[in-house]
Protein backbone atom coordinates (compact mmCIF):
# COMPACT_ATOMS: atom_id res chain seq x y z
CA MET A 1 73.53 11.22 196.42
CA GLY A 2 71.80 14.58 196.40
CA ILE A 3 71.43 16.57 193.23
CA LEU A 4 73.94 14.28 191.53
CA SER A 5 71.45 11.43 191.46
CA PHE A 6 69.78 11.88 187.96
CA LEU A 7 65.82 11.52 187.33
CA GLY A 8 61.85 11.64 187.38
CA ALA A 9 57.44 12.12 186.46
CA ASN A 10 53.02 10.64 186.34
CA SER A 11 50.30 11.75 183.26
CA GLN A 12 51.27 12.62 185.41
CA ASN A 13 49.92 11.58 188.79
CA ASN A 14 47.66 8.64 189.52
CA LYS A 15 46.10 11.01 192.05
CA LYS A 16 45.95 14.53 190.66
CA LYS A 17 47.89 17.11 192.67
CA ASN A 18 47.70 20.83 192.19
CA TYR A 19 51.20 22.28 192.11
CA LYS A 20 51.99 25.91 192.77
CA ASN A 21 53.14 28.29 190.06
CA LEU A 22 56.92 28.65 189.92
CA THR A 23 57.40 32.28 188.95
CA SER A 24 60.54 33.77 187.45
CA GLU A 25 61.16 35.67 190.69
CA LEU A 26 60.97 32.48 192.74
CA LYS A 27 63.34 30.78 190.32
CA LYS A 28 65.92 33.52 190.87
CA GLU A 29 65.64 33.17 194.64
CA PHE A 30 65.84 29.39 194.53
CA ARG A 31 68.88 29.40 192.23
CA ILE A 32 70.74 31.38 194.87
CA ASP A 33 69.49 29.26 197.77
CA LEU A 34 70.27 25.96 196.04
CA LYS A 35 73.99 26.75 195.90
CA ARG A 36 75.99 25.18 198.68
CA ASP A 37 78.40 27.45 200.51
CA SER A 38 81.80 25.74 200.42
CA GLU A 39 83.00 27.90 203.32
CA LYS A 40 80.33 26.50 205.61
CA GLU A 41 80.34 23.09 207.31
CA PHE A 42 79.31 20.40 204.83
CA ASN A 43 76.65 18.57 206.86
CA PRO A 44 74.35 21.53 207.63
CA GLU A 45 74.67 22.76 204.04
CA PHE A 46 73.90 19.32 202.65
CA ILE A 47 70.80 19.06 204.84
CA ARG A 48 69.67 22.57 203.95
CA THR A 49 70.01 22.14 200.18
CA THR A 50 68.58 18.62 199.97
CA ASN A 51 65.59 19.74 202.03
CA LEU A 52 65.14 22.66 199.67
CA GLU A 53 65.42 20.46 196.56
CA ASN A 54 62.76 18.13 197.93
CA GLU A 55 60.50 21.03 198.93
CA ILE A 56 60.77 22.63 195.47
CA ILE A 57 59.75 19.41 193.70
CA ASN A 58 56.91 18.72 196.14
CA LYS A 59 55.50 22.23 195.77
CA PHE A 60 56.08 22.93 192.09
CA GLY A 61 56.05 19.47 190.48
CA PHE A 62 57.63 19.12 187.07
CA ASP A 63 58.60 22.80 186.93
CA GLY A 64 60.43 22.21 190.20
CA ILE A 65 62.25 19.22 188.71
CA LYS A 66 63.38 21.32 185.76
CA LEU A 67 64.73 23.96 188.14
CA VAL A 68 66.53 21.54 190.46
CA PHE A 69 68.16 19.81 187.48
CA GLU A 70 68.74 22.97 185.48
CA SER A 71 72.45 22.19 185.14
CA ARG A 72 71.61 18.77 183.72
CA ASN A 73 69.93 19.52 180.43
CA SER A 74 66.47 20.05 181.96
CA SER A 75 65.43 22.34 179.12
CA ASN A 76 65.13 19.10 177.14
CA PHE A 77 62.95 17.31 179.71
CA HIS A 78 59.40 16.35 178.62
CA LYS A 79 56.93 14.98 181.14
CA LEU A 80 54.62 12.01 180.65
CA GLY A 81 51.63 13.20 178.65
CA GLU A 82 53.78 15.56 176.60
CA PHE A 83 56.30 13.17 175.03
CA PRO A 84 57.48 14.31 171.57
CA LYS A 85 56.52 12.28 168.50
CA ASP A 86 60.06 10.95 167.98
CA CYS A 87 60.31 9.67 171.57
CA PRO A 88 60.46 5.83 171.76
CA TRP A 89 57.82 5.78 174.54
CA LYS A 90 55.31 8.04 172.75
CA ASN A 91 52.77 5.19 172.53
CA LEU A 92 52.49 5.24 176.35
CA ASN A 93 51.94 9.01 176.52
CA GLY A 94 48.36 8.77 177.74
CA LYS A 95 49.08 6.38 180.61
CA THR A 96 49.22 7.17 184.30
CA ILE A 97 52.50 6.43 186.05
CA THR A 98 51.45 3.00 187.31
CA GLU A 99 49.96 2.11 183.93
CA PHE A 100 53.14 3.23 182.20
CA ILE A 101 55.36 1.13 184.47
CA ALA A 102 53.14 -1.93 184.11
CA GLU A 103 53.05 -1.67 180.31
CA ASN A 104 56.72 -0.78 179.84
CA PHE A 105 58.00 -3.70 181.93
CA LYS A 106 55.26 -6.14 180.93
CA PRO A 107 57.53 -8.51 178.93
CA ILE A 108 59.66 -9.19 182.04
CA SER A 109 57.12 -8.49 184.78
CA LYS A 110 57.18 -12.04 186.16
CA LYS A 111 60.97 -11.90 186.45
CA ILE A 112 61.19 -8.67 188.49
CA PRO A 113 57.95 -8.39 190.55
CA ASN A 114 59.57 -6.64 193.51
CA LEU A 115 61.24 -4.00 191.37
CA ILE A 116 58.01 -3.26 189.47
CA SER A 117 56.06 -3.04 192.72
CA THR A 118 58.65 -0.64 194.15
CA LEU A 119 58.57 1.56 191.06
CA LYS A 120 54.77 1.74 191.16
CA GLU A 121 54.75 2.63 194.86
CA ARG A 122 57.57 5.17 194.79
CA CYS A 123 57.43 6.85 191.38
CA LYS A 124 56.01 10.39 191.40
CA PHE A 125 57.10 11.64 187.98
CA ILE A 126 58.16 10.13 184.69
CA PHE A 127 59.85 12.25 182.05
CA VAL A 128 62.04 11.83 179.00
CA GLU A 129 65.20 13.63 178.01
CA LYS A 130 66.83 13.98 174.64
CA LYS A 131 70.61 14.21 174.57
CA GLU A 132 71.89 14.78 171.05
CA ASN A 133 70.23 11.87 169.19
CA THR A 134 69.61 9.65 172.23
CA TRP A 135 66.51 9.41 174.42
CA HIS A 136 66.51 8.63 178.16
CA LEU A 137 63.54 7.91 180.41
CA HIS A 138 63.63 9.13 184.02
CA TYR A 139 61.66 7.78 186.99
CA LEU A 140 61.59 10.13 190.01
CA LEU A 141 61.14 8.03 193.14
CA ASP A 142 60.34 8.90 196.75
CA MET A 143 63.03 7.77 199.19
CA LYS A 144 64.39 8.18 202.70
CA LEU A 145 67.91 9.46 203.25
CA TYR A 146 70.27 7.89 205.80
CA ASP A 147 68.93 10.28 208.47
CA ASP A 148 65.29 9.42 207.67
CA ARG A 149 64.57 12.66 205.81
CA ASP A 150 62.32 12.57 202.76
CA TYR A 151 64.11 12.96 199.45
CA PHE A 152 64.02 11.54 195.93
CA LYS A 153 66.02 9.14 193.79
CA ILE A 154 66.14 8.94 190.02
CA HIS A 155 66.33 5.77 187.97
CA THR A 156 67.24 6.41 184.34
CA GLY A 157 66.54 4.00 181.50
CA GLY A 158 68.04 4.07 178.03
CA SER A 159 66.07 3.61 174.83
CA PRO A 160 64.99 0.03 174.02
CA LEU A 161 67.64 -1.97 172.17
CA LEU A 162 65.86 -4.74 170.29
CA ASN A 163 68.86 -6.71 169.08
CA ALA A 164 71.91 -6.21 171.28
CA GLU A 165 75.17 -7.18 169.56
CA PRO A 166 78.57 -7.68 171.23
CA ASN A 167 80.55 -4.45 171.48
CA GLU A 168 84.25 -4.35 170.56
CA ASN A 169 85.37 -5.37 174.04
CA LEU A 170 83.15 -8.45 174.04
CA LYS A 171 84.28 -9.41 170.55
CA ALA A 172 87.92 -9.20 171.62
CA PHE A 173 87.32 -11.77 174.36
CA ASN A 174 84.85 -14.02 172.49
CA TRP A 175 81.81 -13.05 174.50
CA ASN A 176 78.22 -12.79 173.34
CA VAL A 177 75.73 -10.57 175.11
CA PRO A 178 74.11 -12.84 177.75
CA ASN A 179 70.52 -13.75 176.89
CA ASP A 180 68.98 -12.27 180.04
CA LEU A 181 70.79 -8.99 179.43
CA LYS A 182 69.57 -8.97 175.82
CA THR A 183 66.03 -9.41 177.12
CA PHE A 184 66.43 -6.54 179.58
CA TYR A 185 67.91 -4.25 176.94
CA LYS A 186 64.68 -4.60 174.95
CA ILE A 187 63.09 -2.61 177.80
CA HIS A 188 65.97 -0.28 178.68
CA ASN A 189 69.51 -0.16 177.29
CA GLY A 190 71.00 0.65 180.69
CA PHE A 191 69.00 1.36 183.84
CA GLY A 192 69.51 2.82 187.31
CA GLU A 193 71.21 5.67 189.16
CA ILE A 194 73.76 6.63 186.58
CA TYR A 195 75.37 9.35 188.70
CA ASP A 196 75.59 7.20 191.82
CA ALA A 197 77.12 4.09 190.21
CA ASN A 198 74.15 1.87 190.96
CA PHE A 199 72.99 0.79 187.53
CA VAL A 200 72.85 -1.84 184.82
CA MET A 201 75.40 -0.69 182.24
CA ALA A 202 74.31 -0.03 178.66
CA ASN A 203 75.28 -2.48 175.93
CA GLU A 204 78.03 -0.20 174.63
CA ASP A 205 79.61 0.04 178.11
CA ILE A 206 79.64 -3.52 179.44
CA LYS A 207 83.12 -4.99 179.41
CA VAL A 208 85.06 -8.17 180.07
CA MET A 209 87.28 -7.53 183.08
CA ALA A 210 90.30 -9.06 181.37
CA GLU A 211 90.95 -5.87 179.41
CA MET A 212 91.69 -3.98 182.63
CA MET A 213 92.89 -6.74 184.94
CA ASN A 214 95.05 -9.02 182.80
CA PRO A 215 97.78 -6.37 182.37
CA ILE A 216 97.77 -5.85 186.13
CA CYS A 217 98.11 -9.59 186.69
CA LYS A 218 101.05 -9.70 184.30
CA GLU A 219 102.76 -6.71 185.86
CA GLN A 220 102.38 -8.04 189.41
CA ASN A 221 102.89 -11.69 188.42
CA VAL A 222 99.70 -12.80 190.17
CA LYS A 223 96.53 -14.59 189.12
CA PRO A 224 93.10 -14.89 190.76
CA GLU A 225 92.21 -18.23 192.30
CA ASP A 226 89.51 -20.42 190.76
CA TYR A 227 88.56 -18.12 187.88
CA SER A 228 89.91 -16.09 184.98
CA PHE A 229 89.19 -12.42 184.28
CA ASP A 230 88.38 -13.52 180.73
CA ASP A 231 85.29 -15.19 182.23
CA LEU A 232 83.89 -12.12 184.01
CA LEU A 233 81.65 -9.63 182.20
CA GLU A 234 81.06 -6.48 184.25
CA PHE A 235 77.54 -5.03 184.06
CA PHE A 236 76.71 -3.48 187.46
CA PRO A 237 79.38 -1.45 189.36
CA ASP A 238 78.74 -0.58 192.99
CA GLY A 239 80.66 2.70 193.04
CA ALA A 240 83.15 1.43 195.60
CA GLY A 241 85.33 -0.78 193.42
CA ASN A 242 83.34 -3.99 193.51
CA THR A 243 81.12 -5.05 190.63
CA GLN A 244 78.52 -7.61 189.61
CA CYS A 245 79.57 -9.74 186.65
CA PHE A 246 78.20 -12.43 184.42
CA TYR A 247 80.28 -15.58 184.93
CA LYS A 248 80.93 -17.27 181.59
CA LYS A 249 81.03 -20.76 183.07
CA SER A 250 77.53 -20.33 184.50
CA GLY A 251 75.47 -19.02 181.60
CA ASN A 252 73.08 -16.32 182.82
CA SER A 253 74.33 -16.48 186.42
CA THR A 254 76.17 -13.53 187.92
CA VAL A 255 78.69 -13.16 190.74
CA ASP A 256 79.97 -10.36 192.94
CA TRP A 257 83.64 -9.50 192.34
CA ASP A 258 85.49 -8.06 195.35
CA HIS A 259 88.23 -5.64 194.30
CA GLU A 260 90.16 -5.95 197.56
CA VAL A 261 90.60 -9.72 197.71
CA TRP A 262 89.94 -10.53 194.04
CA GLU A 263 87.33 -13.11 195.00
CA ILE A 264 83.99 -13.92 193.39
CA SER A 265 80.98 -15.00 195.44
CA GLY A 266 77.21 -15.11 195.74
CA GLU A 267 76.19 -16.70 192.44
CA ILE A 268 72.75 -15.40 191.47
CA GLY A 269 70.67 -15.10 188.30
CA PHE A 270 70.62 -11.75 186.51
CA PHE A 271 66.92 -11.02 186.97
CA GLU A 272 67.00 -12.28 190.55
CA PHE A 273 69.88 -9.89 191.23
CA ILE A 274 68.27 -6.74 189.83
CA ASN A 275 64.88 -7.64 191.32
CA GLU A 276 66.54 -7.71 194.74
CA ARG A 277 69.20 -5.02 194.41
CA MET A 278 67.26 -2.34 192.55
CA SER A 279 64.22 -2.63 194.82
CA GLU A 280 66.31 -1.16 197.63
CA ILE A 281 65.44 2.52 197.46
CA ASP A 282 65.97 3.96 200.94
CA GLU A 283 69.44 4.66 202.32
CA GLU A 284 70.59 2.82 205.43
């Protein structure tokens, strides 16, 4: 939530908007105002700073984004229309936001229509970021906070991975990368709110739950009912201990694993899951 959410930018906009000039003097003032006072009550400070973050981006556009995310490598942000030549999405540089989204997700568009529609409706900025030798693509989305205030959410996508191979964890437990996940990785190797634990994990991070849970089972002399941790491949944590997993006995189907009762439930296809789950933008 808040500034910890990661993302954003349109060639930018489908409808051109004139943003104000963010001067060096304004930047100095905003840097001071954006800091939360730990000695003050959390709620009013959270409301004040999130309102200010949203105002800065609405008024100053991409320059505002770079200021708000200054502590997160924003000096290496490049907005749509100005992608560097070595960026994997450089061929879409001349597109508007909606055109970019349509083209980028075209190979799987029929599988995730709700998600694509949501991205087109909510996305205000798209920009890329280079971290060391890795590129990330950020989608800045309009959203409503739990108290109905306007804010933004960032979905981050990794560089396309054309031929995903099992990582060391998967090899250890005789897993292949599920076909639907391989297909998705060709678009983005990892996707979602990476700082809010609401994301499809990248190929190098997915893991069979047995590595973590089997030692616990042995230590406590317990086993889950009706399934084995060897058969669960975690790919979408919820940030609260539960996680969505591929279930080996069901091919490309996934299940929700509950960390409190160690139960699996709600079998659903991978694309059906992300089409439903990742289309939910507003907080409740």
